[in-house]
PDB file of N, CA and C in Angstrom:
ATOM      1  N   UNK A   1     159.549  10.650 -64.105  1.00  0.00           N
ATOM      2  CA  UNK A   1     157.527  10.219 -63.524  1.00  0.00           C
ATOM      3  C   UNK A   1     157.441  10.879 -63.431  1.00  0.00           C
ATOM      4  N   UNK A   2     157.222  10.908 -61.992  1.00  0.00           N
ATOM      5  CA  UNK A   2     156.674  12.046 -60.543  1.00  0.00           C
ATOM      6  C   UNK A   2     157.204  14.011 -61.477  1.00  0.00           C
ATOM      7  N   UNK A   3     158.426  13.932 -62.557  1.00  0.00           N
ATOM      8  CA  UNK A   3     158.492  15.331 -62.619  1.00  0.00           C
ATOM      9  C   UNK A   3     158.015  15.572 -63.644  1.00  0.00           C
ATOM     10  N   UNK A   4     157.240  15.028 -64.273  1.00  0.00           N
ATOM     11  CA  UNK A   4     156.270  14.676 -66.139  1.00  0.00           C
ATOM     12  C   UNK A   4     155.040  15.149 -65.652  1.00  0.00           C
ATOM     13  N   UNK A   5     154.135  13.999 -63.664  1.00  0.00           N
ATOM     14  CA  UNK A   5     153.190  14.826 -63.666  1.00  0.00           C
ATOM     15  C   UNK A   5     153.472  16.262 -62.419  1.00  0.00           C
ATOM     16  N   UNK A   6     153.964  17.410 -62.493  1.00  0.00           N
ATOM     17  CA  UNK A   6     154.350  17.993 -61.904  1.00  0.00           C
ATOM     18  C   UNK A   6     154.385  19.153 -62.867  1.00  0.00           C
ATOM     19  N   UNK A   7     155.141  18.326 -63.722  1.00  0.00           N
ATOM     20  CA  UNK A   7     154.057  19.361 -65.441  1.00  0.00           C
ATOM     21  C   UNK A   7     153.022  19.572 -65.918  1.00  0.00           C
ATOM     22  N   UNK A   8     153.073  18.548 -66.344  1.00  0.00           N
ATOM     23  CA  UNK A   8     151.202  19.006 -66.721  1.00  0.00           C
ATOM     24  C   UNK A   8     150.435  19.165 -65.442  1.00  0.00           C
ATOM     25  N   UNK A   9     150.905  19.176 -63.777  1.00  0.00           N
ATOM     26  CA  UNK A   9     149.362  19.992 -63.407  1.00  0.00           C
ATOM     27  C   UNK A   9     149.921  21.246 -63.535  1.00  0.00           C
ATOM     28  N   UNK A  10     151.315  22.094 -63.059  1.00  0.00           N
ATOM     29  CA  UNK A  10     150.993  23.333 -63.348  1.00  0.00           C
ATOM     30  C   UNK A  10     150.813  24.202 -65.401  1.00  0.00           C
ATOM     31  N   UNK A  11     150.525  23.308 -65.268  1.00  0.00           N
ATOM     32  CA  UNK A  11     150.750  23.391 -66.504  1.00  0.00           C
ATOM     33  C   UNK A  11     148.751  23.577 -66.887  1.00  0.00           C
ATOM     34  N   UNK A  12     147.805  22.051 -65.871  1.00  0.00           N
ATOM     35  CA  UNK A  12     147.212  22.766 -66.202  1.00  0.00           C
ATOM     36  C   UNK A  12     146.351  23.621 -65.257  1.00  0.00           C
ATOM     37  N   UNK A  13     147.515  24.492 -63.834  1.00  0.00           N
ATOM     38  CA  UNK A  13     146.465  25.603 -63.187  1.00  0.00           C
ATOM     39  C   UNK A  13     146.798  26.483 -63.749  1.00  0.00           C
ATOM     40  N   UNK A  14     148.557  26.345 -64.840  1.00  0.00           N
ATOM     41  CA  UNK A  14     148.376  27.646 -66.089  1.00  0.00           C
ATOM     42  C   UNK A  14     146.598  28.084 -66.108  1.00  0.00           C
ATOM     43  N   UNK A  15     146.423  27.192 -67.171  1.00  0.00           N
ATOM     44  CA  UNK A  15     146.062  27.008 -68.266  1.00  0.00           C
ATOM     45  C   UNK A  15     144.481  28.226 -67.151  1.00  0.00           C
ATOM     46  N   UNK A  16     144.142  26.635 -66.460  1.00  0.00           N
ATOM     47  CA  UNK A  16     142.496  26.702 -65.723  1.00  0.00           C
ATOM     48  C   UNK A  16     143.295  28.271 -64.794  1.00  0.00           C
ATOM     49  N   UNK A  17     143.846  28.691 -64.967  1.00  0.00           N
ATOM     50  CA  UNK A  17     143.793  30.426 -63.583  1.00  0.00           C
ATOM     51  C   UNK A  17     144.976  31.315 -64.561  1.00  0.00           C
ATOM     52  N   UNK A  18     144.601  31.242 -65.900  1.00  0.00           N
ATOM     53  CA  UNK A  18     144.931  32.071 -66.392  1.00  0.00           C
ATOM     54  C   UNK A  18     146.507  32.536 -67.286  1.00  0.00           C
ATOM     55  N   UNK A  19     146.903  32.158 -66.443  1.00  0.00           N
ATOM     56  CA  UNK A  19     148.675  32.161 -66.565  1.00  0.00           C
ATOM     57  C   UNK A  19     149.292  31.888 -67.411  1.00  0.00           C
ATOM     58  N   UNK A  20     150.326  32.532 -68.066  1.00  0.00           N
ATOM     59  CA  UNK A  20     151.612  31.480 -69.538  1.00  0.00           C
ATOM     60  C   UNK A  20     152.026  30.847 -69.670  1.00  0.00           C
ATOM     61  N   UNK A  21     151.682  30.641 -70.663  1.00  0.00           N
ATOM     62  CA  UNK A  21     153.512  29.634 -69.921  1.00  0.00           C
ATOM     63  C   UNK A  21     154.692  30.194 -69.273  1.00  0.00           C
ATOM     64  N   UNK A  22     155.393  31.117 -69.632  1.00  0.00           N
ATOM     65  CA  UNK A  22     156.035  31.782 -68.984  1.00  0.00           C
ATOM     66  C   UNK A  22     156.296  32.090 -67.277  1.00  0.00           C
ATOM     67  N   UNK A  23     155.062  32.081 -66.949  1.00  0.00           N
ATOM     68  CA  UNK A  23     154.795  31.974 -65.450  1.00  0.00           C
ATOM     69  C   UNK A  23     155.054  30.698 -65.271  1.00  0.00           C
ATOM     70  N   UNK A  24     154.221  29.868 -65.652  1.00  0.00           N
ATOM     71  CA  UNK A  24     154.239  28.180 -65.369  1.00  0.00           C
ATOM     72  C   UNK A  24     155.378  27.616 -65.739  1.00  0.00           C
ATOM     73  N   UNK A  25     156.406  27.724 -66.422  1.00  0.00           N
ATOM     74  CA  UNK A  25     158.200  27.304 -66.535  1.00  0.00           C
ATOM     75  C   UNK A  25     158.898  28.040 -65.238  1.00  0.00           C
ATOM     76  N   UNK A  26     158.197  29.701 -64.884  1.00  0.00           N
ATOM     77  CA  UNK A  26     159.510  30.003 -64.547  1.00  0.00           C
ATOM     78  C   UNK A  26     159.381  29.589 -61.974  1.00  0.00           C
ATOM     79  N   UNK A  27     157.221  28.502 -62.014  1.00  0.00           N
ATOM     80  CA  UNK A  27     156.858  28.178 -61.111  1.00  0.00           C
ATOM     81  C   UNK A  27     157.689  27.347 -60.964  1.00  0.00           C
ATOM     82  N   UNK A  28     157.997  26.277 -61.496  1.00  0.00           N
ATOM     83  CA  UNK A  28     158.548  25.570 -62.187  1.00  0.00           C
ATOM     84  C   UNK A  28     159.606  25.296 -61.945  1.00  0.00           C
ATOM     85  N   UNK A  29     160.472  26.000 -61.699  1.00  0.00           N
ATOM     86  CA  UNK A  29     162.690  26.603 -62.004  1.00  0.00           C
ATOM     87  C   UNK A  29     162.045  26.665 -60.438  1.00  0.00           C
ATOM     88  N   UNK A  30     161.856  27.581 -59.884  1.00  0.00           N
ATOM     89  CA  UNK A  30     161.377  28.735 -58.313  1.00  0.00           C
ATOM     90  C   UNK A  30     160.791  27.115 -57.363  1.00  0.00           C
ATOM     91  N   UNK A  31     160.415  26.636 -58.045  1.00  0.00           N
ATOM     92  CA  UNK A  31     159.445  25.422 -57.116  1.00  0.00           C
ATOM     93  C   UNK A  31     160.782  24.133 -57.043  1.00  0.00           C
ATOM     94  N   UNK A  32     161.057  24.028 -57.970  1.00  0.00           N
ATOM     95  CA  UNK A  32     162.776  22.621 -57.657  1.00  0.00           C
ATOM     96  C   UNK A  32     163.949  23.636 -56.840  1.00  0.00           C
ATOM     97  N   UNK A  33     164.010  23.855 -57.379  1.00  0.00           N
ATOM     98  CA  UNK A  33     164.253  24.920 -55.920  1.00  0.00           C
ATOM     99  C   UNK A  33     163.971  25.167 -54.590  1.00  0.00           C
ATOM    100  N   UNK A  34     162.867  24.465 -54.099  1.00  0.00           N
ATOM    101  CA  UNK A  34     162.688  24.842 -52.686  1.00  0.00           C
ATOM    102  C   UNK A  34     162.120  22.658 -52.823  1.00  0.00           C
ATOM    103  N   UNK A  35     162.398  21.327 -51.962  1.00  0.00           N
ATOM    104  CA  UNK A  35     162.393  20.334 -51.329  1.00  0.00           C
ATOM    105  C   UNK A  35     161.262  20.031 -50.377  1.00  0.00           C
ATOM    106  N   UNK A  36     161.373  21.248 -49.462  1.00  0.00           N
ATOM    107  CA  UNK A  36     159.753  21.158 -49.480  1.00  0.00           C
ATOM    108  C   UNK A  36     158.721  21.881 -49.674  1.00  0.00           C
ATOM    109  N   UNK A  37     158.555  22.714 -50.399  1.00  0.00           N
ATOM    110  CA  UNK A  37     157.351  23.002 -50.802  1.00  0.00           C
ATOM    111  C   UNK A  37     157.597  22.587 -52.030  1.00  0.00           C
ATOM    112  N   UNK A  38     157.884  22.512 -53.038  1.00  0.00           N
ATOM    113  CA  UNK A  38     157.807  21.134 -54.108  1.00  0.00           C
ATOM    114  C   UNK A  38     156.334  20.288 -53.072  1.00  0.00           C
ATOM    115  N   UNK A  39     157.571  19.107 -52.050  1.00  0.00           N
ATOM    116  CA  UNK A  39     156.297  18.260 -51.786  1.00  0.00           C
ATOM    117  C   UNK A  39     155.304  18.279 -51.378  1.00  0.00           C
ATOM    118  N   UNK A  40     154.747  19.459 -51.395  1.00  0.00           N
ATOM    119  CA  UNK A  40     153.803  20.009 -49.943  1.00  0.00           C
ATOM    120  C   UNK A  40     153.295  20.634 -51.769  1.00  0.00           C
ATOM    121  N   UNK A  41     153.656  20.967 -52.462  1.00  0.00           N
ATOM    122  CA  UNK A  41     153.055  20.946 -53.342  1.00  0.00           C
ATOM    123  C   UNK A  41     151.999  19.240 -54.672  1.00  0.00           C
ATOM    124  N   UNK A  42     153.730  17.907 -54.501  1.00  0.00           N
ATOM    125  CA  UNK A  42     152.654  17.284 -55.137  1.00  0.00           C
ATOM    126  C   UNK A  42     151.345  16.290 -54.023  1.00  0.00           C
ATOM    127  N   UNK A  43     152.454  16.962 -52.191  1.00  0.00           N
ATOM    128  CA  UNK A  43     151.267  16.580 -52.431  1.00  0.00           C
ATOM    129  C   UNK A  43     149.911  17.009 -52.259  1.00  0.00           C
ATOM    130  N   UNK A  44     149.082  17.563 -52.055  1.00  0.00           N
ATOM    131  CA  UNK A  44     148.163  18.899 -53.224  1.00  0.00           C
ATOM    132  C   UNK A  44     147.768  17.912 -54.485  1.00  0.00           C
ATOM    133  N   UNK A  45     148.917  18.855 -55.472  1.00  0.00           N
ATOM    134  CA  UNK A  45     147.902  17.794 -56.493  1.00  0.00           C
ATOM    135  C   UNK A  45     148.137  15.671 -56.749  1.00  0.00           C
ATOM    136  N   UNK A  46     148.225  15.169 -55.305  1.00  0.00           N
ATOM    137  CA  UNK A  46     148.213  13.976 -55.331  1.00  0.00           C
ATOM    138  C   UNK A  46     146.761  13.375 -54.573  1.00  0.00           C
ATOM    139  N   UNK A  47     146.366  14.583 -53.884  1.00  0.00           N
ATOM    140  CA  UNK A  47     145.176  14.574 -52.664  1.00  0.00           C
ATOM    141  C   UNK A  47     144.108  16.071 -52.508  1.00  0.00           C
ATOM    142  N   UNK A  48     144.094  16.766 -53.582  1.00  0.00           N
ATOM    143  CA  UNK A  48     144.035  18.388 -53.961  1.00  0.00           C
ATOM    144  C   UNK A  48     143.578  18.647 -51.889  1.00  0.00           C
ATOM    145  N   UNK A  49     144.397  18.438 -51.502  1.00  0.00           N
ATOM    146  CA  UNK A  49     144.733  18.780 -50.047  1.00  0.00           C
ATOM    147  C   UNK A  49     145.491  19.014 -49.777  1.00  0.00           C
ATOM    148  N   UNK A  50     145.886  20.585 -48.315  1.00  0.00           N
ATOM    149  CA  UNK A  50     147.157  20.684 -48.009  1.00  0.00           C
ATOM    150  C   UNK A  50     147.180  20.142 -47.567  1.00  0.00           C
ATOM    151  N   UNK A  51     148.554  19.507 -47.267  1.00  0.00           N
ATOM    152  CA  UNK A  51     149.678  19.101 -46.162  1.00  0.00           C
ATOM    153  C   UNK A  51     150.154  19.511 -44.854  1.00  0.00           C
ATOM    154  N   UNK A  52     150.276  20.933 -45.486  1.00  0.00           N
ATOM    155  CA  UNK A  52     150.761  22.235 -44.345  1.00  0.00           C
ATOM    156  C   UNK A  52     151.974  22.096 -43.917  1.00  0.00           C
ATOM    157  N   UNK A  53     153.190  21.104 -44.346  1.00  0.00           N
ATOM    158  CA  UNK A  53     154.383  20.826 -43.781  1.00  0.00           C
ATOM    159  C   UNK A  53     154.950  21.810 -44.396  1.00  0.00           C
ATOM    160  N   UNK A  54     155.162  22.087 -44.793  1.00  0.00           N
ATOM    161  CA  UNK A  54     155.962  23.439 -45.215  1.00  0.00           C
ATOM    162  C   UNK A  54     155.511  25.103 -45.115  1.00  0.00           C
ATOM    163  N   UNK A  55     156.606  24.994 -44.169  1.00  0.00           N
ATOM    164  CA  UNK A  55     156.348  26.150 -43.145  1.00  0.00           C
ATOM    165  C   UNK A  55     158.049  26.952 -43.244  1.00  0.00           C
ATOM    166  N   UNK A  56     156.983  28.777 -44.197  1.00  0.00           N
ATOM    167  CA  UNK A  56     157.906  29.283 -43.634  1.00  0.00           C
ATOM    168  C   UNK A  56     157.354  30.631 -42.708  1.00  0.00           C
ATOM    169  N   UNK A  57     158.475  30.645 -41.310  1.00  0.00           N
ATOM    170  CA  UNK A  57     158.437  31.584 -40.194  1.00  0.00           C
ATOM    171  C   UNK A  57     156.735  31.024 -39.303  1.00  0.00           C
ATOM    172  N   UNK A  58     156.670  30.422 -39.842  1.00  0.00           N
ATOM    173  CA  UNK A  58     155.495  29.357 -39.255  1.00  0.00           C
ATOM    174  C   UNK A  58     154.276  29.826 -40.306  1.00  0.00           C
ATOM    175  N   UNK A  59     154.888  30.108 -41.259  1.00  0.00           N
ATOM    176  CA  UNK A  59     153.542  29.768 -42.213  1.00  0.00           C
ATOM    177  C   UNK A  59     152.826  28.618 -43.275  1.00  0.00           C
ATOM    178  N   UNK A  60     151.655  28.330 -43.338  1.00  0.00           N
ATOM    179  CA  UNK A  60     151.564  27.212 -44.372  1.00  0.00           C
ATOM    180  C   UNK A  60     150.985  27.654 -45.541  1.00  0.00           C
ATOM    181  N   UNK A  61     150.969  26.745 -46.288  1.00  0.00           N
ATOM    182  CA  UNK A  61     150.243  27.693 -47.438  1.00  0.00           C
ATOM    183  C   UNK A  61     149.341  28.338 -47.683  1.00  0.00           C
ATOM    184  N   UNK A  62     148.135  27.379 -47.051  1.00  0.00           N
ATOM    185  CA  UNK A  62     147.002  28.058 -46.033  1.00  0.00           C
ATOM    186  C   UNK A  62     147.302  29.089 -45.974  1.00  0.00           C
ATOM    187  N   UNK A  63     147.270  29.946 -44.585  1.00  0.00           N
ATOM    188  CA  UNK A  63     148.310  30.835 -44.811  1.00  0.00           C
ATOM    189  C   UNK A  63     147.820  31.759 -45.423  1.00  0.00           C
ATOM    190  N   UNK A  64     149.080  31.208 -46.186  1.00  0.00           N
ATOM    191  CA  UNK A  64     148.484  32.188 -47.594  1.00  0.00           C
ATOM    192  C   UNK A  64     147.784  32.318 -48.057  1.00  0.00           C
ATOM    193  N   UNK A  65     146.815  31.523 -48.720  1.00  0.00           N
ATOM    194  CA  UNK A  65     145.415  31.712 -49.507  1.00  0.00           C
ATOM    195  C   UNK A  65     144.955  32.472 -48.681  1.00  0.00           C
ATOM    196  N   UNK A  66     144.800  31.486 -46.679  1.00  0.00           N
ATOM    197  CA  UNK A  66     143.580  33.013 -46.091  1.00  0.00           C
ATOM    198  C   UNK A  66     144.054  34.224 -46.535  1.00  0.00           C
ATOM    199  N   UNK A  67     145.439  34.413 -46.283  1.00  0.00           N
ATOM    200  CA  UNK A  67     146.197  36.372 -46.292  1.00  0.00           C
ATOM    201  C   UNK A  67     145.329  36.883 -48.011  1.00  0.00           C
ATOM    202  N   UNK A  68     145.350  35.646 -49.097  1.00  0.00           N
ATOM    203  CA  UNK A  68     145.532  36.351 -50.657  1.00  0.00           C
ATOM    204  C   UNK A  68     143.973  36.718 -50.627  1.00  0.00           C
ATOM    205  N   UNK A  69     143.180  35.927 -50.053  1.00  0.00           N
ATOM    206  CA  UNK A  69     141.192  35.919 -49.889  1.00  0.00           C
ATOM    207  C   UNK A  69     141.185  37.516 -49.176  1.00  0.00           C
ATOM    208  N   UNK A  70     141.265  37.611 -47.655  1.00  0.00           N
ATOM    209  CA  UNK A  70     141.091  38.975 -47.513  1.00  0.00           C
ATOM    210  C   UNK A  70     141.623  39.646 -48.297  1.00  0.00           C
ATOM    211  N   UNK A  71     142.797  40.066 -48.379  1.00  0.00           N
ATOM    212  CA  UNK A  71     143.562  40.864 -49.133  1.00  0.00           C
ATOM    213  C   UNK A  71     143.005  41.631 -50.002  1.00  0.00           C
ATOM    214  N   UNK A  72     142.390  40.570 -51.253  1.00  0.00           N
ATOM    215  CA  UNK A  72     142.207  40.492 -52.134  1.00  0.00           C
ATOM    216  C   UNK A  72     140.366  40.755 -52.702  1.00  0.00           C
ATOM    217  N   UNK A  73     139.950  40.550 -51.048  1.00  0.00           N
ATOM    218  CA  UNK A  73     138.488  40.331 -50.908  1.00  0.00           C
ATOM    219  C   UNK A  73     137.680  42.718 -51.901  1.00  0.00           C
ATOM    220  N   UNK A  74     138.514  43.205 -51.665  1.00  0.00           N
ATOM    221  CA  UNK A  74     137.569  44.537 -52.707  1.00  0.00           C
ATOM    222  C   UNK A  74     137.427  43.899 -53.498  1.00  0.00           C
ATOM    223  N   UNK A  75     138.829  43.919 -54.672  1.00  0.00           N
ATOM    224  CA  UNK A  75     139.020  43.386 -55.973  1.00  0.00           C
ATOM    225  C   UNK A  75     137.550  41.768 -55.229  1.00  0.00           C
ATOM    226  N   UNK A  76     138.702  41.425 -55.599  1.00  0.00           N
ATOM    227  CA  UNK A  76     137.474  39.862 -56.142  1.00  0.00           C
ATOM    228  C   UNK A  76     135.351  40.202 -55.599  1.00  0.00           C
ATOM    229  N   UNK A  77     135.671  41.689 -54.894  1.00  0.00           N
ATOM    230  CA  UNK A  77     134.183  42.184 -54.366  1.00  0.00           C
ATOM    231  C   UNK A  77     133.390  42.645 -56.220  1.00  0.00           C
ATOM    232  N   UNK A  78     135.266  43.768 -57.427  1.00  0.00           N
ATOM    233  CA  UNK A  78     134.154  43.983 -58.068  1.00  0.00           C
ATOM    234  C   UNK A  78     134.413  42.569 -59.304  1.00  0.00           C
ATOM    235  N   UNK A  79     134.924  42.253 -59.335  1.00  0.00           N
ATOM    236  CA  UNK A  79     135.459  40.302 -59.398  1.00  0.00           C
ATOM    237  C   UNK A  79     135.658  40.808 -60.505  1.00  0.00           C
ATOM    238  N   UNK A  80     136.554  42.066 -60.693  1.00  0.00           N
ATOM    239  CA  UNK A  80     137.751  42.384 -61.325  1.00  0.00           C
ATOM    240  C   UNK A  80     139.952  41.737 -60.984  1.00  0.00           C
ATOM    241  N   UNK A  81     139.483  40.339 -60.084  1.00  0.00           N
ATOM    242  CA  UNK A  81     141.152  39.905 -59.811  1.00  0.00           C
ATOM    243  C   UNK A  81     141.329  39.012 -61.009  1.00  0.00           C
ATOM    244  N   UNK A  82     140.500  38.404 -61.447  1.00  0.00           N
ATOM    245  CA  UNK A  82     140.986  37.207 -61.956  1.00  0.00           C
ATOM    246  C   UNK A  82     140.371  35.792 -61.294  1.00  0.00           C
ATOM    247  N   UNK A  83     140.842  36.378 -59.288  1.00  0.00           N
ATOM    248  CA  UNK A  83     140.866  34.493 -59.136  1.00  0.00           C
ATOM    249  C   UNK A  83     139.529  34.781 -58.265  1.00  0.00           C
ATOM    250  N   UNK A  84     138.261  35.392 -58.698  1.00  0.00           N
ATOM    251  CA  UNK A  84     136.795  34.841 -58.366  1.00  0.00           C
ATOM    252  C   UNK A  84     136.269  33.290 -58.708  1.00  0.00           C
ATOM    253  N   UNK A  85     136.330  32.518 -57.835  1.00  0.00           N
ATOM    254  CA  UNK A  85     135.615  31.585 -58.030  1.00  0.00           C
ATOM    255  C   UNK A  85     136.911  30.013 -58.722  1.00  0.00           C
ATOM    256  N   UNK A  86     138.178  30.403 -58.614  1.00  0.00           N
ATOM    257  CA  UNK A  86     139.312  30.448 -60.066  1.00  0.00           C
ATOM    258  C   UNK A  86     140.425  29.224 -58.553  1.00  0.00           C
ATOM    259  N   UNK A  87     139.726  28.764 -58.364  1.00  0.00           N
ATOM    260  CA  UNK A  87     140.185  27.754 -57.064  1.00  0.00           C
ATOM    261  C   UNK A  87     141.826  27.481 -57.288  1.00  0.00           C
ATOM    262  N   UNK A  88     141.796  27.045 -58.818  1.00  0.00           N
ATOM    263  CA  UNK A  88     143.065  26.807 -60.232  1.00  0.00           C
ATOM    264  C   UNK A  88     144.128  27.909 -59.846  1.00  0.00           C
ATOM    265  N   UNK A  89     143.892  29.364 -60.141  1.00  0.00           N
ATOM    266  CA  UNK A  89     144.679  30.250 -59.232  1.00  0.00           C
ATOM    267  C   UNK A  89     144.565  30.665 -58.208  1.00  0.00           C
ATOM    268  N   UNK A  90     144.358  30.073 -57.293  1.00  0.00           N
ATOM    269  CA  UNK A  90     144.113  30.295 -55.976  1.00  0.00           C
ATOM    270  C   UNK A  90     146.050  29.870 -55.506  1.00  0.00           C
ATOM    271  N   UNK A  91     145.133  28.043 -55.897  1.00  0.00           N
ATOM    272  CA  UNK A  91     146.406  28.003 -55.181  1.00  0.00           C
ATOM    273  C   UNK A  91     148.245  27.952 -55.630  1.00  0.00           C
ATOM    274  N   UNK A  92     147.599  28.351 -57.606  1.00  0.00           N
ATOM    275  CA  UNK A  92     148.776  27.834 -58.102  1.00  0.00           C
ATOM    276  C   UNK A  92     149.593  29.692 -57.342  1.00  0.00           C
ATOM    277  N   UNK A  93     148.939  30.240 -56.978  1.00  0.00           N
ATOM    278  CA  UNK A  93     149.445  32.313 -56.875  1.00  0.00           C
ATOM    279  C   UNK A  93     150.203  31.749 -54.896  1.00  0.00           C
ATOM    280  N   UNK A  94     148.912  31.256 -54.700  1.00  0.00           N
ATOM    281  CA  UNK A  94     149.520  30.253 -53.216  1.00  0.00           C
ATOM    282  C   UNK A  94     150.644  29.287 -52.716  1.00  0.00           C
ATOM    283  N   UNK A  95     151.398  29.430 -53.227  1.00  0.00           N
ATOM    284  CA  UNK A  95     152.356  28.133 -53.694  1.00  0.00           C
ATOM    285  C   UNK A  95     153.623  29.418 -54.593  1.00  0.00           C
ATOM    286  N   UNK A  96     153.461  30.267 -55.320  1.00  0.00           N
ATOM    287  CA  UNK A  96     153.921  31.536 -55.260  1.00  0.00           C
ATOM    288  C   UNK A  96     155.054  32.193 -54.440  1.00  0.00           C
ATOM    289  N   UNK A  97     153.787  32.478 -53.597  1.00  0.00           N
ATOM    290  CA  UNK A  97     154.058  33.685 -52.771  1.00  0.00           C
ATOM    291  C   UNK A  97     154.996  32.632 -51.392  1.00  0.00           C
ATOM    292  N   UNK A  98     154.048  31.270 -51.457  1.00  0.00           N
ATOM    293  CA  UNK A  98     155.290  30.558 -50.510  1.00  0.00           C
ATOM    294  C   UNK A  98     156.660  31.179 -51.125  1.00  0.00           C
ATOM    295  N   UNK A  99     156.439  30.164 -52.468  1.00  0.00           N
ATOM    296  CA  UNK A  99     157.729  30.358 -53.046  1.00  0.00           C
ATOM    297  C   UNK A  99     158.799  31.607 -52.076  1.00  0.00           C
ATOM    298  N   UNK A 100     158.010  32.810 -53.428  1.00  0.00           N
ATOM    299  CA  UNK A 100     158.459  34.057 -51.689  1.00  0.00           C
ATOM    300  C   UNK A 100     158.385  34.363 -50.694  1.00  0.00           C
ATOM    301  N   UNK A 101     158.232  33.803 -50.222  1.00  0.00           N
ATOM    302  CA  UNK A 101     158.588  34.441 -49.413  1.00  0.00           C
ATOM    303  C   UNK A 101     160.236  33.586 -48.540  1.00  0.00           C
ATOM    304  N   UNK A 102     160.129  32.294 -49.174  1.00  0.00           N
ATOM    305  CA  UNK A 102     161.557  31.514 -48.823  1.00  0.00           C
ATOM    306  C   UNK A 102     162.375  32.381 -48.912  1.00  0.00           C
ATOM    307  N   UNK A 103     162.318  33.293 -49.541  1.00  0.00           N
ATOM    308  CA  UNK A 103     163.334  34.000 -50.168  1.00  0.00           C
ATOM    309  C   UNK A 103     163.334  36.191 -50.187  1.00  0.00           C
ATOM    310  N   UNK A 104     162.836  36.140 -49.271  1.00  0.00           N
ATOM    311  CA  UNK A 104     162.417  37.396 -48.388  1.00  0.00           C
ATOM    312  C   UNK A 104     160.807  37.482 -47.861  1.00  0.00           C
ATOM    313  N   UNK A 105     161.365  36.297 -45.788  1.00  0.00           N
ATOM    314  CA  UNK A 105     160.069  36.027 -45.407  1.00  0.00           C
ATOM    315  C   UNK A 105     159.686  36.683 -44.946  1.00  0.00           C
ATOM    316  N   UNK A 106     160.714  38.395 -43.937  1.00  0.00           N
ATOM    317  CA  UNK A 106     160.513  39.368 -43.580  1.00  0.00           C
ATOM    318  C   UNK A 106     158.988  40.117 -44.042  1.00  0.00           C
ATOM    319  N   UNK A 107     159.377  39.699 -45.789  1.00  0.00           N
ATOM    320  CA  UNK A 107     158.563  41.861 -46.435  1.00  0.00           C
ATOM    321  C   UNK A 107     157.048  40.816 -46.395  1.00  0.00           C
ATOM    322  N   UNK A 108     156.702  39.570 -46.282  1.00  0.00           N
ATOM    323  CA  UNK A 108     155.650  39.289 -46.584  1.00  0.00           C
ATOM    324  C   UNK A 108     154.713  38.790 -45.168  1.00  0.00           C
ATOM    325  N   UNK A 109     155.750  38.181 -44.269  1.00  0.00           N
ATOM    326  CA  UNK A 109     154.692  38.221 -43.091  1.00  0.00           C
ATOM    327  C   UNK A 109     154.295  39.574 -42.819  1.00  0.00           C
ATOM    328  N   UNK A 110     155.341  41.287 -42.963  1.00  0.00           N
ATOM    329  CA  UNK A 110     154.600  42.613 -42.647  1.00  0.00           C
ATOM    330  C   UNK A 110     153.924  42.516 -43.454  1.00  0.00           C
ATOM    331  N   UNK A 111     153.405  42.037 -44.503  1.00  0.00           N
ATOM    332  CA  UNK A 111     152.333  41.862 -45.485  1.00  0.00           C
ATOM    333  C   UNK A 111     150.774  41.300 -45.035  1.00  0.00           C
ATOM    334  N   UNK A 112     151.775  40.358 -44.811  1.00  0.00           N
ATOM    335  CA  UNK A 112     150.423  38.991 -44.096  1.00  0.00           C
ATOM    336  C   UNK A 112     149.935  39.671 -42.719  1.00  0.00           C
ATOM    337  N   UNK A 113     150.904  40.044 -42.284  1.00  0.00           N
ATOM    338  CA  UNK A 113     150.001  40.849 -40.867  1.00  0.00           C
ATOM    339  C   UNK A 113     149.615  42.261 -41.052  1.00  0.00           C
ATOM    340  N   UNK A 114     149.276  43.361 -41.984  1.00  0.00           N
ATOM    341  CA  UNK A 114     149.616  43.808 -41.848  1.00  0.00           C
ATOM    342  C   UNK A 114     148.585  44.471 -43.188  1.00  0.00           C
ATOM    343  N   UNK A 115     148.383  43.775 -44.032  1.00  0.00           N
ATOM    344  CA  UNK A 115     147.290  44.347 -45.760  1.00  0.00           C
ATOM    345  C   UNK A 115     146.169  43.367 -45.029  1.00  0.00           C
ATOM    346  N   UNK A 116     145.048  43.360 -44.566  1.00  0.00           N
ATOM    347  CA  UNK A 116     144.241  43.109 -44.551  1.00  0.00           C
ATOM    348  C   UNK A 116     142.412  43.773 -44.817  1.00  0.00           C
ATOM    349  N   UNK A 117     141.684  42.392 -45.596  1.00  0.00           N
ATOM    350  CA  UNK A 117     140.521  43.268 -46.238  1.00  0.00           C
ATOM    351  C   UNK A 117     140.141  44.776 -45.328  1.00  0.00           C
ATOM    352  N   UNK A 118     138.438  44.657 -45.968  1.00  0.00           N
ATOM    353  CA  UNK A 118     138.351  45.945 -45.660  1.00  0.00           C
ATOM    354  C   UNK A 118     137.155  46.615 -45.819  1.00  0.00           C
ATOM    355  N   UNK A 119     136.677  44.531 -45.085  1.00  0.00           N
ATOM    356  CA  UNK A 119     135.033  44.442 -44.278  1.00  0.00           C
ATOM    357  C   UNK A 119     135.029  44.473 -42.557  1.00  0.00           C
ATOM    358  N   UNK A 120     134.965  45.385 -42.518  1.00  0.00           N
ATOM    359  CA  UNK A 120     135.105  45.376 -41.011  1.00  0.00           C
ATOM    360  C   UNK A 120     134.745  47.208 -41.265  1.00  0.00           C
ATOM    361  N   UNK A 121     135.072  47.647 -39.423  1.00  0.00           N
ATOM    362  CA  UNK A 121     134.372  48.839 -39.812  1.00  0.00           C
ATOM    363  C   UNK A 121     135.686  50.162 -39.468  1.00  0.00           C
ATOM    364  N   UNK A 122     135.870  51.003 -39.944  1.00  0.00           N
ATOM    365  CA  UNK A 122     136.355  51.984 -39.605  1.00  0.00           C
ATOM    366  C   UNK A 122     138.367  51.158 -40.080  1.00  0.00           C
ATOM    367  N   UNK A 123     137.701  50.601 -40.737  1.00  0.00           N
ATOM    368  CA  UNK A 123     139.111  49.807 -41.595  1.00  0.00           C
ATOM    369  C   UNK A 123     140.295  51.304 -42.004  1.00  0.00           C
ATOM    370  N   UNK A 124     139.467  52.444 -42.755  1.00  0.00           N
ATOM    371  CA  UNK A 124     140.132  53.707 -43.915  1.00  0.00           C
ATOM    372  C   UNK A 124     140.080  54.511 -42.758  1.00  0.00           C
TER     373      UNK A 124
END
């Protein structure tokens, strides 16, 4: 029963976030390979909030979302990223990135620590 609810929720996030069914299917398969992140996702689904229990090298899904918002700030300002005012897309992509971090954490940690927004003087 919970599996069906999760699949339905992923489909809803994909529909609202502009992702296709293939992305949703791949995301679900990846999600099922990591019980800790799966439980974090279920918690979010049930509470519309983050437990922040699932961590990759100390980073949580909220850390990933903050990085994504900062990283994509320039594109958000131009409104061409597909994420402006689309919380479902941000949640979906943050969980997807956290799952990817589990596979190659150092790659994502380097990006999180090195890629920031452009809203401060002398960035470039």
